[in-house]
Amino acid sequence: MNEADFKNEYEEFQKYKSDKLNGRILTPGGLRFIIESNEYDAQKIGRYFLESLPKIREWTKKE
Protein backbone atom coordinates (compact mmCIF):
# COMPACT_ATOMS: atom_id res chain seq x y z
CA MET A 1 0.00 0.00 0.00
CA ASN A 2 1.53 3.29 -1.06
CA GLU A 3 1.02 6.68 0.55
CA ALA A 4 -1.79 7.73 -1.83
CA ASP A 5 -3.72 4.52 -1.10
CA PHE A 6 -3.26 5.03 2.62
CA LYS A 7 -4.50 8.61 2.37
CA ASN A 8 -7.60 7.54 0.41
CA GLU A 9 -8.38 4.78 2.92
CA TYR A 10 -7.94 7.22 5.78
CA GLU A 11 -10.28 9.78 4.18
CA GLU A 12 -12.94 7.12 3.55
CA PHE A 13 -12.65 5.98 7.17
CA GLN A 14 -13.05 9.55 8.42
CA LYS A 15 -16.20 9.94 6.27
CA TYR A 16 -17.53 6.65 7.66
CA LYS A 17 -16.91 7.83 11.22
CA SER A 18 -18.73 11.09 10.49
CA ASP A 19 -21.67 9.26 8.91
CA LYS A 20 -21.85 6.85 11.82
CA LEU A 21 -21.74 9.67 14.36
CA ASN A 22 -24.53 11.54 12.53
CA GLY A 23 -26.81 8.50 12.21
CA ARG A 24 -26.41 7.97 8.47
CA ILE A 25 -25.31 4.34 8.68
CA LEU A 26 -28.06 1.72 8.47
CA THR A 27 -27.29 -0.95 11.03
CA PRO A 28 -28.76 -4.46 11.06
CA GLY A 29 -30.86 -3.41 14.06
CA GLY A 30 -32.09 -0.33 12.24
CA LEU A 31 -33.01 -2.37 9.20
CA ARG A 32 -34.82 -4.88 11.40
CA PHE A 33 -36.76 -2.01 13.01
CA ILE A 34 -37.81 -0.63 9.61
CA ILE A 35 -38.92 -4.06 8.41
CA GLU A 36 -40.87 -4.83 11.58
CA SER A 37 -42.51 -1.39 11.68
CA ASN A 38 -43.70 -1.95 8.12
CA GLU A 39 -45.17 -5.34 9.07
CA TYR A 40 -42.75 -7.30 6.83
CA ASP A 41 -44.67 -6.00 3.80
CA ALA A 42 -42.28 -5.53 0.86
CA GLN A 43 -44.39 -2.77 -0.69
CA LYS A 44 -44.54 -0.79 2.56
CA ILE A 45 -40.80 -1.22 3.08
CA GLY A 46 -40.09 -0.08 -0.48
CA ARG A 47 -42.39 2.92 -0.07
CA TYR A 48 -40.60 3.84 3.17
CA PHE A 49 -37.21 3.85 1.45
CA LEU A 50 -38.51 5.75 -1.58
CA GLU A 51 -40.01 8.39 0.69
CA SER A 52 -36.71 8.59 2.61
CA LEU A 53 -34.62 9.04 -0.53
CA PRO A 54 -35.06 12.84 -0.80
CA LYS A 55 -33.80 13.24 2.79
CA ILE A 56 -30.79 11.05 2.04
CA ARG A 57 -30.00 13.09 -1.05
CA GLU A 58 -30.16 16.30 1.01
CA TRP A 59 -27.68 14.87 3.52
CA THR A 60 -25.23 13.93 0.81
CA LYS A 61 -25.49 17.38 -0.86
CA LYS A 62 -24.42 19.12 2.35
CA GLU A 63 -21.10 17.29 2.44
PDB file of N, CA and C in Angstrom:
ATOM      1  N   MET A   1       0.867  -1.184   0.000  1.00  0.00           N
ATOM      2  CA  MET A   1       0.000   0.000   0.000  1.00  0.00           C
ATOM      3  C   MET A   1       0.904   1.236   0.000  1.00  0.00           C
ATOM      4  N   ASN A   2       0.714   2.087  -0.997  1.00  0.00           N
ATOM      5  CA  ASN A   2       1.526   3.293  -1.056  1.00  0.00           C
ATOM      6  C   ASN A   2       0.845   4.429  -0.285  1.00  0.00           C
ATOM      7  N   GLU A   3       1.516   5.550  -0.249  1.00  0.00           N
ATOM      8  CA  GLU A   3       1.024   6.678   0.547  1.00  0.00           C
ATOM      9  C   GLU A   3      -0.321   7.207   0.051  1.00  0.00           C
ATOM     10  N   ALA A   4      -0.517   7.245  -1.266  1.00  0.00           N
ATOM     11  CA  ALA A   4      -1.787   7.728  -1.825  1.00  0.00           C
ATOM     12  C   ALA A   4      -2.941   6.798  -1.441  1.00  0.00           C
ATOM     13  N   ASP A   5      -2.696   5.490  -1.504  1.00  0.00           N
ATOM     14  CA  ASP A   5      -3.725   4.523  -1.102  1.00  0.00           C
ATOM     15  C   ASP A   5      -4.072   4.686   0.367  1.00  0.00           C
ATOM     16  N   PHE A   6      -3.044   4.852   1.186  1.00  0.00           N
ATOM     17  CA  PHE A   6      -3.260   5.026   2.615  1.00  0.00           C
ATOM     18  C   PHE A   6      -4.088   6.276   2.887  1.00  0.00           C
ATOM     19  N   LYS A   7      -3.770   7.363   2.186  1.00  0.00           N
ATOM     20  CA  LYS A   7      -4.503   8.613   2.367  1.00  0.00           C
ATOM     21  C   LYS A   7      -5.965   8.451   1.972  1.00  0.00           C
ATOM     22  N   ASN A   8      -6.225   7.769   0.847  1.00  0.00           N
ATOM     23  CA  ASN A   8      -7.605   7.542   0.408  1.00  0.00           C
ATOM     24  C   ASN A   8      -8.370   6.693   1.419  1.00  0.00           C
ATOM     25  N   GLU A   9      -7.739   5.628   1.912  1.00  0.00           N
ATOM     26  CA  GLU A   9      -8.378   4.776   2.916  1.00  0.00           C
ATOM     27  C   GLU A   9      -8.693   5.578   4.180  1.00  0.00           C
ATOM     28  N   TYR A  10      -7.754   6.409   4.579  1.00  0.00           N
ATOM     29  CA  TYR A  10      -7.944   7.217   5.785  1.00  0.00           C
ATOM     30  C   TYR A  10      -9.108   8.196   5.609  1.00  0.00           C
ATOM     31  N   GLU A  11      -9.188   8.844   4.439  1.00  0.00           N
ATOM     32  CA  GLU A  11     -10.279   9.779   4.175  1.00  0.00           C
ATOM     33  C   GLU A  11     -11.630   9.070   4.154  1.00  0.00           C
ATOM     34  N   GLU A  12     -11.694   7.891   3.554  1.00  0.00           N
ATOM     35  CA  GLU A  12     -12.937   7.120   3.548  1.00  0.00           C
ATOM     36  C   GLU A  12     -13.346   6.727   4.970  1.00  0.00           C
ATOM     37  N   PHE A  13     -12.356   6.350   5.783  1.00  0.00           N
ATOM     38  CA  PHE A  13     -12.648   5.977   7.168  1.00  0.00           C
ATOM     39  C   PHE A  13     -13.163   7.179   7.951  1.00  0.00           C
ATOM     40  N   GLN A  14     -12.592   8.347   7.730  1.00  0.00           N
ATOM     41  CA  GLN A  14     -13.054   9.553   8.416  1.00  0.00           C
ATOM     42  C   GLN A  14     -14.492   9.882   8.008  1.00  0.00           C
ATOM     43  N   LYS A  15     -14.828   9.709   6.727  1.00  0.00           N
ATOM     44  CA  LYS A  15     -16.198   9.937   6.267  1.00  0.00           C
ATOM     45  C   LYS A  15     -17.138   8.931   6.916  1.00  0.00           C
ATOM     46  N   TYR A  16     -16.718   7.675   6.999  1.00  0.00           N
ATOM     47  CA  TYR A  16     -17.527   6.645   7.657  1.00  0.00           C
ATOM     48  C   TYR A  16     -17.786   7.017   9.117  1.00  0.00           C
ATOM     49  N   LYS A  17     -16.742   7.456   9.814  1.00  0.00           N
ATOM     50  CA  LYS A  17     -16.907   7.831  11.219  1.00  0.00           C
ATOM     51  C   LYS A  17     -17.895   8.985  11.356  1.00  0.00           C
ATOM     52  N   SER A  18     -17.813   9.958  10.466  1.00  0.00           N
ATOM     53  CA  SER A  18     -18.734  11.091  10.493  1.00  0.00           C
ATOM     54  C   SER A  18     -20.164  10.634  10.224  1.00  0.00           C
ATOM     55  N   ASP A  19     -20.331   9.784   9.225  1.00  0.00           N
ATOM     56  CA  ASP A  19     -21.667   9.259   8.908  1.00  0.00           C
ATOM     57  C   ASP A  19     -22.231   8.465  10.073  1.00  0.00           C
ATOM     58  N   LYS A  20     -21.398   7.655  10.687  1.00  0.00           N
ATOM     59  CA  LYS A  20     -21.852   6.848  11.824  1.00  0.00           C
ATOM     60  C   LYS A  20     -22.254   7.744  12.991  1.00  0.00           C
ATOM     61  N   LEU A  21     -21.466   8.743  13.260  1.00  0.00           N
ATOM     62  CA  LEU A  21     -21.738   9.671  14.360  1.00  0.00           C
ATOM     63  C   LEU A  21     -23.045  10.438  14.129  1.00  0.00           C
ATOM     64  N   ASN A  22     -23.338  10.755  12.872  1.00  0.00           N
ATOM     65  CA  ASN A  22     -24.531  11.535  12.533  1.00  0.00           C
ATOM     66  C   ASN A  22     -25.740  10.672  12.160  1.00  0.00           C
ATOM     67  N   GLY A  23     -25.664   9.375  12.416  1.00  0.00           N
ATOM     68  CA  GLY A  23     -26.807   8.497  12.209  1.00  0.00           C
ATOM     69  C   GLY A  23     -27.138   8.199  10.764  1.00  0.00           C
ATOM     70  N   ARG A  24     -26.145   8.233   9.881  1.00  0.00           N
ATOM     71  CA  ARG A  24     -26.415   7.971   8.469  1.00  0.00           C
ATOM     72  C   ARG A  24     -25.974   6.578   8.030  1.00  0.00           C
ATOM     73  N   ILE A  25     -25.685   5.716   8.987  1.00  0.00           N
ATOM     74  CA  ILE A  25     -25.311   4.343   8.675  1.00  0.00           C
ATOM     75  C   ILE A  25     -26.468   3.445   9.094  1.00  0.00           C
ATOM     76  N   LEU A  26     -26.959   2.636   8.163  1.00  0.00           N
ATOM     77  CA  LEU A  26     -28.056   1.724   8.467  1.00  0.00           C
ATOM     78  C   LEU A  26     -27.473   0.454   9.067  1.00  0.00           C
ATOM     79  N   THR A  27     -27.774   0.225  10.324  1.00  0.00           N
ATOM     80  CA  THR A  27     -27.286  -0.954  11.035  1.00  0.00           C
ATOM     81  C   THR A  27     -28.263  -2.106  10.847  1.00  0.00           C
ATOM     82  N   PRO A  28     -27.826  -3.328  11.125  1.00  0.00           N
ATOM     83  CA  PRO A  28     -28.759  -4.460  11.059  1.00  0.00           C
ATOM     84  C   PRO A  28     -29.968  -4.249  11.977  1.00  0.00           C
ATOM     85  N   GLY A  29     -29.748  -3.685  13.149  1.00  0.00           N
ATOM     86  CA  GLY A  29     -30.857  -3.406  14.063  1.00  0.00           C
ATOM     87  C   GLY A  29     -31.806  -2.368  13.497  1.00  0.00           C
ATOM     88  N   GLY A  30     -31.253  -1.366  12.857  1.00  0.00           N
ATOM     89  CA  GLY A  30     -32.089  -0.333  12.237  1.00  0.00           C
ATOM     90  C   GLY A  30     -32.907  -0.889  11.098  1.00  0.00           C
ATOM     91  N   LEU A  31     -32.288  -1.739  10.298  1.00  0.00           N
ATOM     92  CA  LEU A  31     -33.009  -2.367   9.201  1.00  0.00           C
ATOM     93  C   LEU A  31     -34.122  -3.267   9.735  1.00  0.00           C
ATOM     94  N   ARG A  32     -33.822  -4.013  10.774  1.00  0.00           N
ATOM     95  CA  ARG A  32     -34.823  -4.878  11.402  1.00  0.00           C
ATOM     96  C   ARG A  32     -36.011  -4.049  11.901  1.00  0.00           C
ATOM     97  N   PHE A  33     -35.716  -2.900  12.512  1.00  0.00           N
ATOM     98  CA  PHE A  33     -36.764  -2.014  13.007  1.00  0.00           C
ATOM     99  C   PHE A  33     -37.661  -1.525  11.861  1.00  0.00           C
ATOM    100  N   ILE A  34     -37.040  -1.113  10.764  1.00  0.00           N
ATOM    101  CA  ILE A  34     -37.806  -0.634   9.608  1.00  0.00           C
ATOM    102  C   ILE A  34     -38.696  -1.746   9.064  1.00  0.00           C
ATOM    103  N   ILE A  35     -38.148  -2.933   8.937  1.00  0.00           N
ATOM    104  CA  ILE A  35     -38.920  -4.060   8.410  1.00  0.00           C
ATOM    105  C   ILE A  35     -40.086  -4.406   9.338  1.00  0.00           C
ATOM    106  N   GLU A  36     -39.810  -4.486  10.627  1.00  0.00           N
ATOM    107  CA  GLU A  36     -40.872  -4.828  11.583  1.00  0.00           C
ATOM    108  C   GLU A  36     -41.939  -3.737  11.646  1.00  0.00           C
ATOM    109  N   SER A  37     -41.524  -2.477  11.599  1.00  0.00           N
ATOM    110  CA  SER A  37     -42.505  -1.392  11.685  1.00  0.00           C
ATOM    111  C   SER A  37     -43.370  -1.299  10.437  1.00  0.00           C
ATOM    112  N   ASN A  38     -42.908  -1.893   9.344  1.00  0.00           N
ATOM    113  CA  ASN A  38     -43.701  -1.949   8.119  1.00  0.00           C
ATOM    114  C   ASN A  38     -44.337  -3.321   7.931  1.00  0.00           C
ATOM    115  N   GLU A  39     -44.455  -4.059   9.018  1.00  0.00           N
ATOM    116  CA  GLU A  39     -45.172  -5.337   9.071  1.00  0.00           C
ATOM    117  C   GLU A  39     -44.675  -6.358   8.054  1.00  0.00           C
ATOM    118  N   TYR A  40     -43.370  -6.342   7.757  1.00  0.00           N
ATOM    119  CA  TYR A  40     -42.749  -7.299   6.833  1.00  0.00           C
ATOM    120  C   TYR A  40     -43.351  -7.247   5.425  1.00  0.00           C
ATOM    121  N   ASP A  41     -44.020  -6.165   5.107  1.00  0.00           N
ATOM    122  CA  ASP A  41     -44.665  -6.001   3.802  1.00  0.00           C
ATOM    123  C   ASP A  41     -43.668  -5.325   2.848  1.00  0.00           C
ATOM    124  N   ALA A  42     -43.294  -6.038   1.795  1.00  0.00           N
ATOM    125  CA  ALA A  42     -42.276  -5.531   0.863  1.00  0.00           C
ATOM    126  C   ALA A  42     -42.682  -4.203   0.238  1.00  0.00           C
ATOM    127  N   GLN A  43     -43.951  -4.026  -0.087  1.00  0.00           N
ATOM    128  CA  GLN A  43     -44.387  -2.772  -0.694  1.00  0.00           C
ATOM    129  C   GLN A  43     -44.280  -1.614   0.293  1.00  0.00           C
ATOM    130  N   LYS A  44     -44.648  -1.843   1.542  1.00  0.00           N
ATOM    131  CA  LYS A  44     -44.536  -0.791   2.556  1.00  0.00           C
ATOM    132  C   LYS A  44     -43.081  -0.441   2.809  1.00  0.00           C
ATOM    133  N   ILE A  45     -42.227  -1.448   2.854  1.00  0.00           N
ATOM    134  CA  ILE A  45     -40.796  -1.217   3.083  1.00  0.00           C
ATOM    135  C   ILE A  45     -40.217  -0.410   1.922  1.00  0.00           C
ATOM    136  N   GLY A  46     -40.561  -0.810   0.698  1.00  0.00           N
ATOM    137  CA  GLY A  46     -40.086  -0.083  -0.478  1.00  0.00           C
ATOM    138  C   GLY A  46     -40.566   1.357  -0.486  1.00  0.00           C
ATOM    139  N   ARG A  47     -41.830   1.564  -0.133  1.00  0.00           N
ATOM    140  CA  ARG A  47     -42.392   2.918  -0.074  1.00  0.00           C
ATOM    141  C   ARG A  47     -41.645   3.745   0.963  1.00  0.00           C
ATOM    142  N   TYR A  48     -41.335   3.134   2.115  1.00  0.00           N
ATOM    143  CA  TYR A  48     -40.602   3.844   3.168  1.00  0.00           C
ATOM    144  C   TYR A  48     -39.253   4.343   2.638  1.00  0.00           C
ATOM    145  N   PHE A  49     -38.525   3.452   1.950  1.00  0.00           N
ATOM    146  CA  PHE A  49     -37.212   3.852   1.449  1.00  0.00           C
ATOM    147  C   PHE A  49     -37.334   4.886   0.333  1.00  0.00           C
ATOM    148  N   LEU A  50     -38.326   4.752  -0.522  1.00  0.00           N
ATOM    149  CA  LEU A  50     -38.507   5.747  -1.582  1.00  0.00           C
ATOM    150  C   LEU A  50     -38.877   7.112  -1.014  1.00  0.00           C
ATOM    151  N   GLU A  51     -39.659   7.120   0.054  1.00  0.00           N
ATOM    152  CA  GLU A  51     -40.007   8.387   0.694  1.00  0.00           C
ATOM    153  C   GLU A  51     -38.820   8.975   1.450  1.00  0.00           C
ATOM    154  N   SER A  52     -37.902   8.128   1.881  1.00  0.00           N
ATOM    155  CA  SER A  52     -36.714   8.585   2.610  1.00  0.00           C
ATOM    156  C   SER A  52     -35.622   9.094   1.670  1.00  0.00           C
ATOM    157  N   LEU A  53     -35.679   8.688   0.421  1.00  0.00           N
ATOM    158  CA  LEU A  53     -34.623   9.037  -0.534  1.00  0.00           C
ATOM    159  C   LEU A  53     -34.348  10.537  -0.653  1.00  0.00           C
ATOM    160  N   PRO A  54     -35.366  11.400  -0.721  1.00  0.00           N
ATOM    161  CA  PRO A  54     -35.060  12.841  -0.800  1.00  0.00           C
ATOM    162  C   PRO A  54     -34.261  13.348   0.414  1.00  0.00           C
ATOM    163  N   LYS A  55     -34.561  12.832   1.596  1.00  0.00           N
ATOM    164  CA  LYS A  55     -33.803  13.236   2.793  1.00  0.00           C
ATOM    165  C   LYS A  55     -32.356  12.788   2.676  1.00  0.00           C
ATOM    166  N   ILE A  56     -32.151  11.575   2.192  1.00  0.00           N
ATOM    167  CA  ILE A  56     -30.790  11.047   2.037  1.00  0.00           C
ATOM    168  C   ILE A  56     -30.015  11.881   1.033  1.00  0.00           C
ATOM    169  N   ARG A  57     -30.672  12.256  -0.048  1.00  0.00           N
ATOM    170  CA  ARG A  57     -29.999  13.092  -1.055  1.00  0.00           C
ATOM    171  C   ARG A  57     -29.626  14.454  -0.482  1.00  0.00           C
ATOM    172  N   GLU A  58     -30.481  15.017   0.370  1.00  0.00           N
ATOM    173  CA  GLU A  58     -30.159  16.298   1.008  1.00  0.00           C
ATOM    174  C   GLU A  58     -28.929  16.174   1.896  1.00  0.00           C
ATOM    175  N   TRP A  59     -28.853  15.081   2.647  1.00  0.00           N
ATOM    176  CA  TRP A  59     -27.685  14.872   3.519  1.00  0.00           C
ATOM    177  C   TRP A  59     -26.407  14.800   2.708  1.00  0.00           C
ATOM    178  N   THR A  60     -26.445  14.093   1.575  1.00  0.00           N
ATOM    179  CA  THR A  60     -25.229  13.932   0.806  1.00  0.00           C
ATOM    180  C   THR A  60     -24.846  15.215   0.070  1.00  0.00           C
ATOM    181  N   LYS A  61     -25.799  16.102  -0.225  1.00  0.00           N
ATOM    182  CA  LYS A  61     -25.485  17.379  -0.860  1.00  0.00           C
ATOM    183  C   LYS A  61     -24.715  18.295   0.078  1.00  0.00           C
ATOM    184  N   LYS A  62     -25.026  18.205   1.370  1.00  0.00           N
ATOM    185  CA  LYS A  62     -24.418  19.118   2.349  1.00  0.00           C
ATOM    186  C   LYS A  62     -22.935  18.823   2.552  1.00  0.00           C
ATOM    187  N   GLU A  63     -22.498  17.647   2.191  1.00  0.00           N
ATOM    188  CA  GLU A  63     -21.095  17.288   2.439  1.00  0.00           C
ATOM    189  C   GLU A  63     -20.284  17.294   1.235  1.00  0.00           C
TER     190      GLU A  63
END
